[in-house]
Amino acid sequence: MSKIQQEPVRRLPRAQRREQILAAATNAFARSGFAGTGLDDVAAEAGISRVILYRHFESKTDLYRAVLERATARLAAATDVEVGRASAQALLRWADAEPAGFRLLFRHAAREPEFCAEVDELRAAMVEEVRARLTESIAAGSWADWAAQLATAVCLEAIMAWLDAGRPAPHEIADRIDRAVDGVIRAAR
């Protein structure tokens, strides 16, 4: 009979462990949202115990807020380009690289009463950037407001649908989203 040897527990530096937990929590929360995800789910995803989880975060709410802040910061870093086609393509690239973060922000957190204000603020900032860009082709006013809101919604929902469909034709999706947004802009003129 051979003895089963247990692998030694690997201790990570605090910052590295925190990042591991945030990445795992992003995946767990992106699957089921805040209400549908327990700390045991996050701990299992991270391959750690709840005790280790509580060494880094006081509560599930604290963890969720940290995950949202991380996703928002990563989104901002990935899309720090001029508004227009380049920003839509940067958003698409970020969603492709970090689908859990995208789903967390624009599907789950947007529907969570306790957290939707942060996502509403993010979305409002996106709409404002689009509105400023549209003043070149649409006179300021209600149609520009409508187009900015709709173009942002079309872009976000098109990316979400693309992720949910299994990311078909990744080399074509940016052009397809551009055409859909162009249709909104043409309709508003």
C-alpha atoms as a PDB file:
ATOM      1  CA  MET A   1       0.000   0.000   0.000  1.00  0.00           C
ATOM      2  CA  SER A   2       1.404   3.360  -0.957  1.00  0.00           C
ATOM      3  CA  LYS A   3       0.964   6.346   1.197  1.00  0.00           C
ATOM      4  CA  ILE A   4      -0.907   9.222  -0.413  1.00  0.00           C
ATOM      5  CA  GLN A   5       1.255  12.261  -0.094  1.00  0.00           C
ATOM      6  CA  GLN A   6      -0.373  15.574   0.437  1.00  0.00           C
ATOM      7  CA  GLU A   7       0.964  18.506  -1.524  1.00  0.00           C
ATOM      8  CA  PRO A   8       2.287  21.281   0.686  1.00  0.00           C
ATOM      9  CA  VAL A   9       0.054  24.305   1.050  1.00  0.00           C
ATOM     10  CA  ARG A  10       1.388  27.118  -1.073  1.00  0.00           C
ATOM     11  CA  ARG A  11       1.259  30.484   0.632  1.00  0.00           C
ATOM     12  CA  LEU A  12       0.904  33.400  -1.715  1.00  0.00           C
ATOM     13  CA  PRO A  13       1.875  36.975  -0.952  1.00  0.00           C
ATOM     14  CA  ARG A  14      -1.155  38.956   0.261  1.00  0.00           C
ATOM     15  CA  ALA A  15      -1.562  41.015  -2.935  1.00  0.00           C
ATOM     16  CA  GLN A  16      -1.294  37.938  -5.126  1.00  0.00           C
ATOM     17  CA  ARG A  17      -3.837  36.023  -2.995  1.00  0.00           C
ATOM     18  CA  ARG A  18      -6.221  38.986  -3.130  1.00  0.00           C
ATOM     19  CA  GLU A  19      -5.946  39.098  -6.925  1.00  0.00           C
ATOM     20  CA  GLN A  20      -6.582  35.329  -7.078  1.00  0.00           C
ATOM     21  CA  ILE A  21      -9.708  35.770  -4.951  1.00  0.00           C
ATOM     22  CA  LEU A  22     -10.949  38.712  -7.035  1.00  0.00           C
ATOM     23  CA  ALA A  23     -10.480  36.767 -10.282  1.00  0.00           C
ATOM     24  CA  ALA A  24     -12.283  33.733  -8.861  1.00  0.00           C
ATOM     25  CA  ALA A  25     -15.058  35.896  -7.417  1.00  0.00           C
ATOM     26  CA  THR A  26     -15.511  37.615 -10.785  1.00  0.00           C
ATOM     27  CA  ASN A  27     -16.084  34.220 -12.403  1.00  0.00           C
ATOM     28  CA  ALA A  28     -18.409  33.007  -9.646  1.00  0.00           C
ATOM     29  CA  PHE A  29     -20.503  36.192  -9.498  1.00  0.00           C
ATOM     30  CA  ALA A  30     -20.668  36.371 -13.322  1.00  0.00           C
ATOM     31  CA  ARG A  31     -22.359  32.967 -13.368  1.00  0.00           C
ATOM     32  CA  SER A  32     -25.071  33.604 -10.774  1.00  0.00           C
ATOM     33  CA  GLY A  33     -25.016  37.229  -9.663  1.00  0.00           C
ATOM     34  CA  PHE A  34     -24.705  38.513  -6.123  1.00  0.00           C
ATOM     35  CA  ALA A  35     -27.774  36.854  -4.632  1.00  0.00           C
ATOM     36  CA  GLY A  36     -27.140  33.505  -6.313  1.00  0.00           C
ATOM     37  CA  THR A  37     -23.492  33.198  -5.287  1.00  0.00           C
ATOM     38  CA  GLY A  38     -22.322  32.246  -1.818  1.00  0.00           C
ATOM     39  CA  LEU A  39     -18.928  32.728  -0.277  1.00  0.00           C
ATOM     40  CA  ASP A  40     -18.483  28.954  -0.408  1.00  0.00           C
ATOM     41  CA  ASP A  41     -18.856  29.203  -4.201  1.00  0.00           C
ATOM     42  CA  VAL A  42     -16.158  31.871  -4.343  1.00  0.00           C
ATOM     43  CA  ALA A  43     -13.847  29.940  -2.017  1.00  0.00           C
ATOM     44  CA  ALA A  44     -14.275  26.782  -4.108  1.00  0.00           C
ATOM     45  CA  GLU A  45     -13.601  28.707  -7.332  1.00  0.00           C
ATOM     46  CA  ALA A  46     -10.421  30.148  -5.791  1.00  0.00           C
ATOM     47  CA  GLY A  47      -9.367  26.810  -4.297  1.00  0.00           C
ATOM     48  CA  ILE A  48      -9.187  28.270  -0.800  1.00  0.00           C
ATOM     49  CA  SER A  49     -11.103  28.049   2.455  1.00  0.00           C
ATOM     50  CA  ARG A  50     -13.646  30.581   3.694  1.00  0.00           C
ATOM     51  CA  VAL A  51     -11.203  31.436   6.461  1.00  0.00           C
ATOM     52  CA  ILE A  52      -8.683  32.673   3.893  1.00  0.00           C
ATOM     53  CA  LEU A  53     -11.453  34.532   2.107  1.00  0.00           C
ATOM     54  CA  TYR A  54     -12.381  36.351   5.328  1.00  0.00           C
ATOM     55  CA  ARG A  55      -8.747  37.344   5.863  1.00  0.00           C
ATOM     56  CA  HIS A  56      -9.080  39.504   2.757  1.00  0.00           C
ATOM     57  CA  PHE A  57     -12.739  40.581   2.747  1.00  0.00           C
ATOM     58  CA  GLU A  58     -15.061  41.298   5.656  1.00  0.00           C
ATOM     59  CA  SER A  59     -18.255  40.267   3.890  1.00  0.00           C
ATOM     60  CA  LYS A  60     -19.769  39.142   0.638  1.00  0.00           C
ATOM     61  CA  THR A  61     -20.813  42.749  -0.020  1.00  0.00           C
ATOM     62  CA  ASP A  62     -17.254  43.952   0.567  1.00  0.00           C
ATOM     63  CA  LEU A  63     -15.956  41.302  -1.846  1.00  0.00           C
ATOM     64  CA  TYR A  64     -18.576  42.136  -4.497  1.00  0.00           C
ATOM     65  CA  ARG A  65     -17.752  45.854  -4.330  1.00  0.00           C
ATOM     66  CA  ALA A  66     -14.041  45.042  -4.726  1.00  0.00           C
ATOM     67  CA  VAL A  67     -14.833  42.844  -7.734  1.00  0.00           C
ATOM     68  CA  LEU A  68     -16.899  45.629  -9.321  1.00  0.00           C
ATOM     69  CA  GLU A  69     -14.132  48.172  -8.707  1.00  0.00           C
ATOM     70  CA  ARG A  70     -11.581  45.802 -10.251  1.00  0.00           C
ATOM     71  CA  ALA A  71     -13.757  45.160 -13.314  1.00  0.00           C
ATOM     72  CA  THR A  72     -14.479  48.868 -13.768  1.00  0.00           C
ATOM     73  CA  ALA A  73     -10.782  49.764 -13.496  1.00  0.00           C
ATOM     74  CA  ARG A  74      -9.821  47.052 -15.980  1.00  0.00           C
ATOM     75  CA  LEU A  75     -12.540  48.214 -18.368  1.00  0.00           C
ATOM     76  CA  ALA A  76     -11.336  51.824 -18.105  1.00  0.00           C
ATOM     77  CA  ALA A  77      -7.735  50.805 -18.761  1.00  0.00           C
ATOM     78  CA  ALA A  78      -8.691  48.667 -21.750  1.00  0.00           C
ATOM     79  CA  THR A  79     -10.918  51.276 -23.363  1.00  0.00           C
ATOM     80  CA  ASP A  80      -8.845  54.411 -22.823  1.00  0.00           C
ATOM     81  CA  VAL A  81      -9.111  55.453 -26.457  1.00  0.00           C
ATOM     82  CA  GLU A  82     -10.964  58.127 -28.420  1.00  0.00           C
ATOM     83  CA  VAL A  83     -14.717  57.599 -28.466  1.00  0.00           C
ATOM     84  CA  GLY A  84     -16.018  56.105 -31.679  1.00  0.00           C
ATOM     85  CA  ARG A  85     -15.228  52.908 -33.526  1.00  0.00           C
ATOM     86  CA  ALA A  86     -11.959  52.530 -31.642  1.00  0.00           C
ATOM     87  CA  SER A  87     -13.707  52.652 -28.268  1.00  0.00           C
ATOM     88  CA  ALA A  88     -16.370  50.141 -29.336  1.00  0.00           C
ATOM     89  CA  GLN A  89     -13.646  47.826 -30.609  1.00  0.00           C
ATOM     90  CA  ALA A  90     -11.651  48.284 -27.390  1.00  0.00           C
ATOM     91  CA  LEU A  91     -14.780  47.426 -25.382  1.00  0.00           C
ATOM     92  CA  LEU A  92     -15.260  44.332 -27.527  1.00  0.00           C
ATOM     93  CA  ARG A  93     -11.633  43.257 -27.048  1.00  0.00           C
ATOM     94  CA  TRP A  94     -11.986  43.681 -23.283  1.00  0.00           C
ATOM     95  CA  ALA A  95     -15.206  41.666 -23.228  1.00  0.00           C
ATOM     96  CA  ASP A  96     -13.531  38.938 -25.275  1.00  0.00           C
ATOM     97  CA  ALA A  97     -10.538  38.854 -22.910  1.00  0.00           C
ATOM     98  CA  GLU A  98     -12.617  39.184 -19.733  1.00  0.00           C
ATOM     99  CA  PRO A  99     -16.131  37.899 -20.429  1.00  0.00           C
ATOM    100  CA  ALA A 100     -16.853  37.321 -16.744  1.00  0.00           C
ATOM    101  CA  GLY A 101     -16.042  40.950 -15.945  1.00  0.00           C
ATOM    102  CA  PHE A 102     -18.232  42.163 -18.792  1.00  0.00           C
ATOM    103  CA  ARG A 103     -21.157  39.944 -17.724  1.00  0.00           C
ATOM    104  CA  LEU A 104     -20.713  40.939 -14.112  1.00  0.00           C
ATOM    105  CA  LEU A 105     -20.903  44.664 -14.873  1.00  0.00           C
ATOM    106  CA  PHE A 106     -23.504  44.788 -17.598  1.00  0.00           C
ATOM    107  CA  ARG A 107     -25.771  41.871 -16.724  1.00  0.00           C
ATOM    108  CA  HIS A 108     -25.631  41.098 -13.025  1.00  0.00           C
ATOM    109  CA  ALA A 109     -24.523  44.244 -11.192  1.00  0.00           C
ATOM    110  CA  ALA A 110     -26.778  46.355 -13.402  1.00  0.00           C
ATOM    111  CA  ARG A 111     -29.759  44.396 -11.991  1.00  0.00           C
ATOM    112  CA  GLU A 112     -28.671  44.203  -8.355  1.00  0.00           C
ATOM    113  CA  PRO A 113     -30.525  46.906  -6.374  1.00  0.00           C
ATOM    114  CA  GLU A 114     -27.629  47.332  -3.960  1.00  0.00           C
ATOM    115  CA  PHE A 115     -25.021  47.801  -6.719  1.00  0.00           C
ATOM    116  CA  CYS A 116     -26.810  49.138  -9.803  1.00  0.00           C
ATOM    117  CA  ALA A 117     -25.972  52.778  -9.006  1.00  0.00           C
ATOM    118  CA  GLU A 118     -22.281  52.156  -9.774  1.00  0.00           C
ATOM    119  CA  VAL A 119     -23.108  50.531 -13.098  1.00  0.00           C
ATOM    120  CA  ASP A 120     -25.689  53.194 -13.920  1.00  0.00           C
ATOM    121  CA  GLU A 121     -22.983  55.819 -13.356  1.00  0.00           C
ATOM    122  CA  LEU A 122     -20.570  53.931 -15.622  1.00  0.00           C
ATOM    123  CA  ARG A 123     -23.188  53.565 -18.322  1.00  0.00           C
ATOM    124  CA  ALA A 124     -24.178  57.246 -18.046  1.00  0.00           C
ATOM    125  CA  ALA A 125     -20.530  58.222 -18.548  1.00  0.00           C
ATOM    126  CA  MET A 126     -20.404  56.007 -21.640  1.00  0.00           C
ATOM    127  CA  VAL A 127     -23.571  57.636 -23.001  1.00  0.00           C
ATOM    128  CA  GLU A 128     -22.130  61.115 -22.362  1.00  0.00           C
ATOM    129  CA  GLU A 129     -18.965  60.265 -24.283  1.00  0.00           C
ATOM    130  CA  VAL A 130     -21.029  58.977 -27.202  1.00  0.00           C
ATOM    131  CA  ARG A 131     -23.307  62.042 -27.069  1.00  0.00           C
ATOM    132  CA  ALA A 132     -20.278  64.362 -27.239  1.00  0.00           C
ATOM    133  CA  ARG A 133     -18.981  62.450 -30.244  1.00  0.00           C
ATOM    134  CA  LEU A 134     -22.363  62.552 -32.008  1.00  0.00           C
ATOM    135  CA  THR A 135     -22.535  66.337 -31.983  1.00  0.00           C
ATOM    136  CA  GLU A 136     -20.359  66.196 -35.098  1.00  0.00           C
ATOM    137  CA  SER A 137     -23.131  64.484 -37.049  1.00  0.00           C
ATOM    138  CA  ILE A 138     -26.371  65.059 -35.119  1.00  0.00           C
ATOM    139  CA  ALA A 139     -27.603  68.401 -33.802  1.00  0.00           C
ATOM    140  CA  ALA A 140     -27.728  68.576 -30.002  1.00  0.00           C
ATOM    141  CA  GLY A 141     -31.152  67.843 -28.629  1.00  0.00           C
ATOM    142  CA  SER A 142     -33.510  64.989 -28.060  1.00  0.00           C
ATOM    143  CA  TRP A 143     -32.430  63.000 -31.146  1.00  0.00           C
ATOM    144  CA  ALA A 144     -28.780  63.196 -30.126  1.00  0.00           C
ATOM    145  CA  ASP A 145     -29.780  62.074 -26.618  1.00  0.00           C
ATOM    146  CA  TRP A 146     -31.802  59.206 -28.065  1.00  0.00           C
ATOM    147  CA  ALA A 147     -28.991  58.147 -30.400  1.00  0.00           C
ATOM    148  CA  ALA A 148     -26.358  58.267 -27.647  1.00  0.00           C
ATOM    149  CA  GLN A 149     -28.432  56.122 -25.322  1.00  0.00           C
ATOM    150  CA  LEU A 150     -29.446  53.684 -28.042  1.00  0.00           C
ATOM    151  CA  ALA A 151     -25.964  53.389 -29.586  1.00  0.00           C
ATOM    152  CA  THR A 152     -24.517  52.580 -26.155  1.00  0.00           C
ATOM    153  CA  ALA A 153     -27.254  50.029 -25.470  1.00  0.00           C
ATOM    154  CA  VAL A 154     -26.845  48.439 -28.914  1.00  0.00           C
ATOM    155  CA  CYS A 155     -23.092  48.114 -28.444  1.00  0.00           C
ATOM    156  CA  LEU A 156     -23.356  46.609 -24.942  1.00  0.00           C
ATOM    157  CA  GLU A 157     -26.196  44.244 -25.819  1.00  0.00           C
ATOM    158  CA  ALA A 158     -24.552  43.173 -29.082  1.00  0.00           C
ATOM    159  CA  ILE A 159     -21.398  42.227 -27.190  1.00  0.00           C
ATOM    160  CA  MET A 160     -23.411  40.397 -24.529  1.00  0.00           C
ATOM    161  CA  ALA A 161     -25.360  38.473 -27.176  1.00  0.00           C
ATOM    162  CA  TRP A 162     -22.100  37.623 -28.951  1.00  0.00           C
ATOM    163  CA  LEU A 163     -20.575  36.272 -25.728  1.00  0.00           C
ATOM    164  CA  ASP A 164     -23.756  34.313 -24.945  1.00  0.00           C
ATOM    165  CA  ALA A 165     -23.785  32.827 -28.459  1.00  0.00           C
ATOM    166  CA  GLY A 166     -20.294  31.420 -27.944  1.00  0.00           C
ATOM    167  CA  ARG A 167     -18.347  34.215 -29.681  1.00  0.00           C
ATOM    168  CA  PRO A 168     -19.130  33.339 -33.307  1.00  0.00           C
ATOM    169  CA  ALA A 169     -17.041  34.842 -36.102  1.00  0.00           C
ATOM    170  CA  PRO A 170     -14.715  36.870 -33.839  1.00  0.00           C
ATOM    171  CA  HIS A 171     -13.056  38.446 -36.864  1.00  0.00           C
ATOM    172  CA  GLU A 172     -16.430  39.832 -38.041  1.00  0.00           C
ATOM    173  CA  ILE A 173     -18.134  40.959 -34.845  1.00  0.00           C
ATOM    174  CA  ALA A 174     -16.556  44.424 -34.598  1.00  0.00           C
ATOM    175  CA  ASP A 175     -17.737  45.296 -38.107  1.00  0.00           C
ATOM    176  CA  ARG A 176     -21.224  43.974 -37.393  1.00  0.00           C
ATOM    177  CA  ILE A 177     -21.502  46.047 -34.216  1.00  0.00           C
ATOM    178  CA  ASP A 178     -20.226  49.114 -36.092  1.00  0.00           C
ATOM    179  CA  ARG A 179     -22.933  48.627 -38.734  1.00  0.00           C
ATOM    180  CA  ALA A 180     -25.636  48.339 -36.053  1.00  0.00           C
ATOM    181  CA  VAL A 181     -24.453  51.509 -34.316  1.00  0.00           C
ATOM    182  CA  ASP A 182     -24.199  53.297 -37.681  1.00  0.00           C
ATOM    183  CA  GLY A 183     -27.850  52.375 -38.257  1.00  0.00           C
ATOM    184  CA  VAL A 184     -28.803  54.076 -34.998  1.00  0.00           C
ATOM    185  CA  ILE A 185     -26.868  57.195 -35.976  1.00  0.00           C
ATOM    186  CA  ARG A 186     -28.447  57.303 -39.445  1.00  0.00           C
ATOM    187  CA  ALA A 187     -31.905  56.919 -37.929  1.00  0.00           C
ATOM    188  CA  ALA A 188     -31.285  59.863 -35.599  1.00  0.00           C
ATOM    189  CA  ARG A 189     -30.183  62.271 -38.344  1.00  0.00           C
END
